[in-house]
Amino acid sequence: MAKAKRPPTWLEVGIQNGGMRAAVTAMSYAYTWAVTREALGHDPSAEEVAKWWGASERTTYRDQAAFRKAFPMLEDPGRIYASEEAREALAKHAALGDRIDQWGRERRERREQDGVKAFLLRADVPT
């Protein structure tokens, strides 16, 4: 009795089409694109992906090119992360990114306030 052939993983498809390096880069781009989509609520452009992740647009465009090489049959990474399970995980990652951004803003504000307070401290020097 012959074993049923399992469908290939997305990584295997990417390797077959573009090689190992392009496939790994493509999967990384797909993840960043998908998290950005969850955070913004729409399919993001490469510029939006770069901005959300704090990456250079140039690098993001290179990663997008690797995605297109590895997955020429896909217009964007949406199909890779189409399952409900994947969308839930991405939503958690996007929310974590938002919380980290908020923490950073609050920390910068506290640091600025503390810096101003230092100017108002009484000098303990003889006059």
Foldseek 3Di string as FASTA:
>chain_A
DDDDDDDDALLVLLCVQQNNVLSVLLVVLLLLQLLLCLLVVHRDDLVSSCVLVVHDSVVSVVSVVSNCRSCVVDPGSCVNQVDPVSNVVSNVVSVVSVVVVVVVVVVVVVVVVVVVVVVVDDDPDDD
